[in-house]
Amino acid sequence: MVQICQLKPKKSTYSLQELKGKMEAYCAYQDRCHKEVEEKLRAYDPIPEAREMILLHLLEEGFLNEERFARSFARGKFRIKKWGKTRIIRELRQREISQFAIKTSLKQITDPEYSEVLDELASKRLKALVHCSPLEKKQKLSSYLLYRGWENDLVYEKTRELLD
């Protein structure tokens, strides 16, 4: 029988100050949403009063800010991963971000920039579809763009523009 070695945590209990410091470092490394922070905090299994005190401390000190998280998330996913607005909205809702924060985060994506990225993404994908029939190209291009979270009307308009 093979024995699996499990790593034990270095320390099983933490003081309130140690836990605050750990959570501050976790939030300072990159913007986090409330859900991520609560999950991380739950892993340390503090008493409910301590958990509330730590979350309140993180909010008061600016380590935890839902709007800032939503803005940086939307900006990063759009500019780096080339996601469309529907995918960004879906992912933010999954992280339990408020509707107000979602709307403000999407305002930083300008319409010219949005259509430019869609053009670039569609053209690049179309060049990769070499050995396909026109119908297959249309289907594969639209499903690719829809998966990336671009709106239906924009996707179908773009596929018609490029392939008709």
C-alpha atoms as a PDB file:
ATOM      1  CA  MET A   1       0.000   0.000   0.000  1.00  0.00           C
ATOM      2  CA  VAL A   2       1.310   3.427  -0.951  1.00  0.00           C
ATOM      3  CA  GLN A   3       1.261   6.055   1.754  1.00  0.00           C
ATOM      4  CA  ILE A   4       0.450   9.580   0.770  1.00  0.00           C
ATOM      5  CA  CYS A   5       2.345  12.228   2.643  1.00  0.00           C
ATOM      6  CA  GLN A   6       0.160  15.152   3.632  1.00  0.00           C
ATOM      7  CA  LEU A   7       1.655  18.490   4.460  1.00  0.00           C
ATOM      8  CA  LYS A   8       0.449  19.846   7.748  1.00  0.00           C
ATOM      9  CA  PRO A   9      -0.095  23.568   8.111  1.00  0.00           C
ATOM     10  CA  LYS A  10       2.756  25.307   9.873  1.00  0.00           C
ATOM     11  CA  LYS A  11       0.389  26.716  12.438  1.00  0.00           C
ATOM     12  CA  SER A  12      -3.145  25.654  13.225  1.00  0.00           C
ATOM     13  CA  THR A  13      -4.305  28.779  15.077  1.00  0.00           C
ATOM     14  CA  TYR A  14      -3.585  32.419  14.444  1.00  0.00           C
ATOM     15  CA  SER A  15      -4.137  35.478  16.563  1.00  0.00           C
ATOM     16  CA  LEU A  16      -6.450  38.205  15.309  1.00  0.00           C
ATOM     17  CA  GLN A  17      -3.478  40.426  14.430  1.00  0.00           C
ATOM     18  CA  GLU A  18      -1.693  37.644  12.522  1.00  0.00           C
ATOM     19  CA  LEU A  19      -4.839  36.867  10.568  1.00  0.00           C
ATOM     20  CA  LYS A  20      -5.372  40.558   9.779  1.00  0.00           C
ATOM     21  CA  GLY A  21      -1.807  40.742   8.478  1.00  0.00           C
ATOM     22  CA  LYS A  22      -2.251  37.639   6.328  1.00  0.00           C
ATOM     23  CA  MET A  23      -5.491  38.946   4.836  1.00  0.00           C
ATOM     24  CA  GLU A  24      -3.990  42.405   4.240  1.00  0.00           C
ATOM     25  CA  ALA A  25      -1.132  40.795   2.308  1.00  0.00           C
ATOM     26  CA  TYR A  26      -3.602  38.642   0.363  1.00  0.00           C
ATOM     27  CA  CYS A  27      -5.621  41.721  -0.640  1.00  0.00           C
ATOM     28  CA  ALA A  28      -2.574  43.898  -1.330  1.00  0.00           C
ATOM     29  CA  TYR A  29      -1.098  41.396  -3.791  1.00  0.00           C
ATOM     30  CA  GLN A  30      -3.985  41.998  -6.233  1.00  0.00           C
ATOM     31  CA  ASP A  31      -7.526  43.330  -6.082  1.00  0.00           C
ATOM     32  CA  ARG A  32      -9.888  40.770  -4.589  1.00  0.00           C
ATOM     33  CA  CYS A  33     -13.661  40.528  -4.400  1.00  0.00           C
ATOM     34  CA  HIS A  34     -15.501  39.921  -1.134  1.00  0.00           C
ATOM     35  CA  LYS A  35     -16.259  36.331  -2.097  1.00  0.00           C
ATOM     36  CA  GLU A  36     -12.581  35.447  -2.640  1.00  0.00           C
ATOM     37  CA  VAL A  37     -11.553  37.050   0.643  1.00  0.00           C
ATOM     38  CA  GLU A  38     -14.316  35.316   2.584  1.00  0.00           C
ATOM     39  CA  GLU A  39     -13.321  31.934   1.108  1.00  0.00           C
ATOM     40  CA  LYS A  40      -9.671  32.495   1.999  1.00  0.00           C
ATOM     41  CA  LEU A  41     -10.617  33.604   5.487  1.00  0.00           C
ATOM     42  CA  ARG A  42     -12.892  30.585   5.937  1.00  0.00           C
ATOM     43  CA  ALA A  43      -9.879  28.343   5.261  1.00  0.00           C
ATOM     44  CA  TYR A  44      -8.281  29.662   8.481  1.00  0.00           C
ATOM     45  CA  ASP A  45     -11.516  28.847  10.356  1.00  0.00           C
ATOM     46  CA  PRO A  46     -11.693  31.864  12.689  1.00  0.00           C
ATOM     47  CA  ILE A  47     -14.622  32.429  15.022  1.00  0.00           C
ATOM     48  CA  PRO A  48     -17.477  34.418  13.383  1.00  0.00           C
ATOM     49  CA  GLU A  49     -16.769  37.578  15.411  1.00  0.00           C
ATOM     50  CA  ALA A  50     -13.119  37.585  14.340  1.00  0.00           C
ATOM     51  CA  ARG A  51     -14.104  37.032  10.699  1.00  0.00           C
ATOM     52  CA  GLU A  52     -16.464  40.020  10.825  1.00  0.00           C
ATOM     53  CA  MET A  53     -13.826  42.193  12.508  1.00  0.00           C
ATOM     54  CA  ILE A  54     -11.228  41.292   9.865  1.00  0.00           C
ATOM     55  CA  LEU A  55     -13.612  41.961   6.967  1.00  0.00           C
ATOM     56  CA  LEU A  56     -14.622  45.286   8.486  1.00  0.00           C
ATOM     57  CA  HIS A  57     -10.954  46.195   8.979  1.00  0.00           C
ATOM     58  CA  LEU A  58     -10.147  45.332   5.342  1.00  0.00           C
ATOM     59  CA  LEU A  59     -13.042  47.483   4.115  1.00  0.00           C
ATOM     60  CA  GLU A  60     -12.182  50.456   6.343  1.00  0.00           C
ATOM     61  CA  GLU A  61      -8.493  50.396   5.434  1.00  0.00           C
ATOM     62  CA  GLY A  62      -9.199  50.165   1.688  1.00  0.00           C
ATOM     63  CA  PHE A  63      -7.783  46.683   1.171  1.00  0.00           C
ATOM     64  CA  LEU A  64     -11.178  45.490  -0.023  1.00  0.00           C
ATOM     65  CA  ASN A  65     -13.131  47.598  -2.520  1.00  0.00           C
ATOM     66  CA  GLU A  66     -15.801  46.066  -4.764  1.00  0.00           C
ATOM     67  CA  GLU A  67     -15.856  48.870  -7.354  1.00  0.00           C
ATOM     68  CA  ARG A  68     -12.073  48.933  -7.683  1.00  0.00           C
ATOM     69  CA  PHE A  69     -12.047  45.157  -8.106  1.00  0.00           C
ATOM     70  CA  ALA A  70     -14.785  45.297 -10.774  1.00  0.00           C
ATOM     71  CA  ARG A  71     -12.962  48.038 -12.707  1.00  0.00           C
ATOM     72  CA  SER A  72      -9.611  46.258 -12.694  1.00  0.00           C
ATOM     73  CA  PHE A  73     -11.233  42.897 -13.499  1.00  0.00           C
ATOM     74  CA  ALA A  74     -13.171  44.311 -16.474  1.00  0.00           C
ATOM     75  CA  ARG A  75     -10.164  46.271 -17.744  1.00  0.00           C
ATOM     76  CA  GLY A  76      -7.831  43.290 -17.494  1.00  0.00           C
ATOM     77  CA  LYS A  77     -10.149  40.716 -19.026  1.00  0.00           C
ATOM     78  CA  PHE A  78     -10.999  43.055 -21.907  1.00  0.00           C
ATOM     79  CA  ARG A  79      -7.500  44.290 -22.692  1.00  0.00           C
ATOM     80  CA  ILE A  80      -5.524  41.126 -21.984  1.00  0.00           C
ATOM     81  CA  LYS A  81      -7.905  38.227 -22.623  1.00  0.00           C
ATOM     82  CA  LYS A  82     -10.052  40.090 -25.199  1.00  0.00           C
ATOM     83  CA  TRP A  83     -13.334  39.141 -23.517  1.00  0.00           C
ATOM     84  CA  GLY A  84     -16.587  40.763 -24.570  1.00  0.00           C
ATOM     85  CA  LYS A  85     -18.967  42.542 -22.222  1.00  0.00           C
ATOM     86  CA  THR A  86     -21.355  39.612 -21.761  1.00  0.00           C
ATOM     87  CA  ARG A  87     -18.586  37.324 -20.509  1.00  0.00           C
ATOM     88  CA  ILE A  88     -17.238  40.028 -18.197  1.00  0.00           C
ATOM     89  CA  ILE A  89     -20.731  40.619 -16.784  1.00  0.00           C
ATOM     90  CA  ARG A  90     -21.299  36.884 -16.288  1.00  0.00           C
ATOM     91  CA  GLU A  91     -17.973  36.448 -14.475  1.00  0.00           C
ATOM     92  CA  LEU A  92     -18.573  39.477 -12.235  1.00  0.00           C
ATOM     93  CA  ARG A  93     -22.063  38.223 -11.332  1.00  0.00           C
ATOM     94  CA  GLN A  94     -20.551  34.852 -10.475  1.00  0.00           C
ATOM     95  CA  ARG A  95     -18.313  36.691  -8.009  1.00  0.00           C
ATOM     96  CA  GLU A  96     -21.417  38.367  -6.508  1.00  0.00           C
ATOM     97  CA  ILE A  97     -20.480  41.907  -7.568  1.00  0.00           C
ATOM     98  CA  SER A  98     -23.287  44.491  -7.381  1.00  0.00           C
ATOM     99  CA  GLN A  99     -25.073  45.651 -10.539  1.00  0.00           C
ATOM    100  CA  PHE A 100     -23.910  49.228  -9.908  1.00  0.00           C
ATOM    101  CA  ALA A 101     -20.247  48.191  -9.759  1.00  0.00           C
ATOM    102  CA  ILE A 102     -20.654  46.125 -12.935  1.00  0.00           C
ATOM    103  CA  LYS A 103     -22.151  49.084 -14.825  1.00  0.00           C
ATOM    104  CA  THR A 104     -19.417  51.474 -13.709  1.00  0.00           C
ATOM    105  CA  SER A 105     -16.701  48.972 -14.597  1.00  0.00           C
ATOM    106  CA  LEU A 106     -18.019  48.595 -18.148  1.00  0.00           C
ATOM    107  CA  LYS A 107     -18.098  52.364 -18.707  1.00  0.00           C
ATOM    108  CA  GLN A 108     -14.306  52.422 -18.960  1.00  0.00           C
ATOM    109  CA  ILE A 109     -14.452  50.337 -22.169  1.00  0.00           C
ATOM    110  CA  THR A 110     -15.017  52.828 -24.973  1.00  0.00           C
ATOM    111  CA  ASP A 111     -17.084  51.933 -28.053  1.00  0.00           C
ATOM    112  CA  PRO A 112     -14.279  52.603 -30.585  1.00  0.00           C
ATOM    113  CA  GLU A 113     -11.846  50.486 -28.578  1.00  0.00           C
ATOM    114  CA  TYR A 114     -14.470  47.749 -28.201  1.00  0.00           C
ATOM    115  CA  SER A 115     -15.176  47.504 -31.938  1.00  0.00           C
ATOM    116  CA  GLU A 116     -11.447  47.691 -32.745  1.00  0.00           C
ATOM    117  CA  VAL A 117     -10.734  44.687 -30.502  1.00  0.00           C
ATOM    118  CA  LEU A 118     -13.641  42.779 -32.056  1.00  0.00           C
ATOM    119  CA  ASP A 119     -12.283  43.504 -35.561  1.00  0.00           C
ATOM    120  CA  GLU A 120      -8.794  42.388 -34.565  1.00  0.00           C
ATOM    121  CA  LEU A 121     -10.026  39.218 -32.848  1.00  0.00           C
ATOM    122  CA  ALA A 122     -12.353  38.231 -35.706  1.00  0.00           C
ATOM    123  CA  SER A 123      -9.707  38.839 -38.381  1.00  0.00           C
ATOM    124  CA  LYS A 124      -7.089  36.874 -36.478  1.00  0.00           C
ATOM    125  CA  ARG A 125      -9.453  33.926 -35.954  1.00  0.00           C
ATOM    126  CA  LEU A 126     -10.574  33.975 -39.596  1.00  0.00           C
ATOM    127  CA  LYS A 127      -6.945  33.718 -40.773  1.00  0.00           C
ATOM    128  CA  ALA A 128      -6.554  30.605 -38.607  1.00  0.00           C
ATOM    129  CA  LEU A 129      -9.536  28.918 -40.291  1.00  0.00           C
ATOM    130  CA  VAL A 130      -7.805  27.884 -43.505  1.00  0.00           C
ATOM    131  CA  HIS A 131      -9.139  24.455 -44.465  1.00  0.00           C
ATOM    132  CA  CYS A 132     -12.832  25.075 -43.867  1.00  0.00           C
ATOM    133  CA  SER A 133     -15.812  25.599 -46.110  1.00  0.00           C
ATOM    134  CA  PRO A 134     -17.421  29.058 -46.021  1.00  0.00           C
ATOM    135  CA  LEU A 135     -20.288  27.724 -43.925  1.00  0.00           C
ATOM    136  CA  GLU A 136     -17.888  26.100 -41.429  1.00  0.00           C
ATOM    137  CA  LYS A 137     -15.861  29.321 -41.230  1.00  0.00           C
ATOM    138  CA  LYS A 138     -18.973  31.305 -40.441  1.00  0.00           C
ATOM    139  CA  GLN A 139     -20.081  28.841 -37.777  1.00  0.00           C
ATOM    140  CA  LYS A 140     -16.651  28.472 -36.155  1.00  0.00           C
ATOM    141  CA  LEU A 141     -15.982  32.219 -36.174  1.00  0.00           C
ATOM    142  CA  SER A 142     -19.332  33.044 -34.591  1.00  0.00           C
ATOM    143  CA  SER A 143     -19.110  30.341 -31.941  1.00  0.00           C
ATOM    144  CA  TYR A 144     -15.566  31.474 -31.072  1.00  0.00           C
ATOM    145  CA  LEU A 145     -16.641  35.090 -30.632  1.00  0.00           C
ATOM    146  CA  LEU A 146     -19.777  34.138 -28.693  1.00  0.00           C
ATOM    147  CA  TYR A 147     -17.693  31.968 -26.356  1.00  0.00           C
ATOM    148  CA  ARG A 148     -15.429  34.958 -25.721  1.00  0.00           C
ATOM    149  CA  GLY A 149     -18.482  36.901 -24.573  1.00  0.00           C
ATOM    150  CA  TRP A 150     -19.220  39.217 -27.468  1.00  0.00           C
ATOM    151  CA  GLU A 151     -22.845  40.247 -28.024  1.00  0.00           C
ATOM    152  CA  ASN A 152     -24.929  38.227 -30.522  1.00  0.00           C
ATOM    153  CA  ASP A 153     -25.797  41.150 -32.789  1.00  0.00           C
ATOM    154  CA  LEU A 154     -22.154  42.295 -33.022  1.00  0.00           C
ATOM    155  CA  VAL A 155     -20.931  38.766 -33.731  1.00  0.00           C
ATOM    156  CA  TYR A 156     -23.415  38.072 -36.512  1.00  0.00           C
ATOM    157  CA  GLU A 157     -22.863  41.498 -38.024  1.00  0.00           C
ATOM    158  CA  LYS A 158     -19.087  40.920 -37.999  1.00  0.00           C
ATOM    159  CA  THR A 159     -19.337  37.418 -39.537  1.00  0.00           C
ATOM    160  CA  ARG A 160     -21.605  38.745 -42.298  1.00  0.00           C
ATOM    161  CA  GLU A 161     -19.183  41.614 -42.911  1.00  0.00           C
ATOM    162  CA  LEU A 162     -16.143  39.326 -43.167  1.00  0.00           C
ATOM    163  CA  LEU A 163     -17.659  36.332 -44.957  1.00  0.00           C
ATOM    164  CA  ASP A 164     -20.480  37.605 -47.198  1.00  0.00           C
END
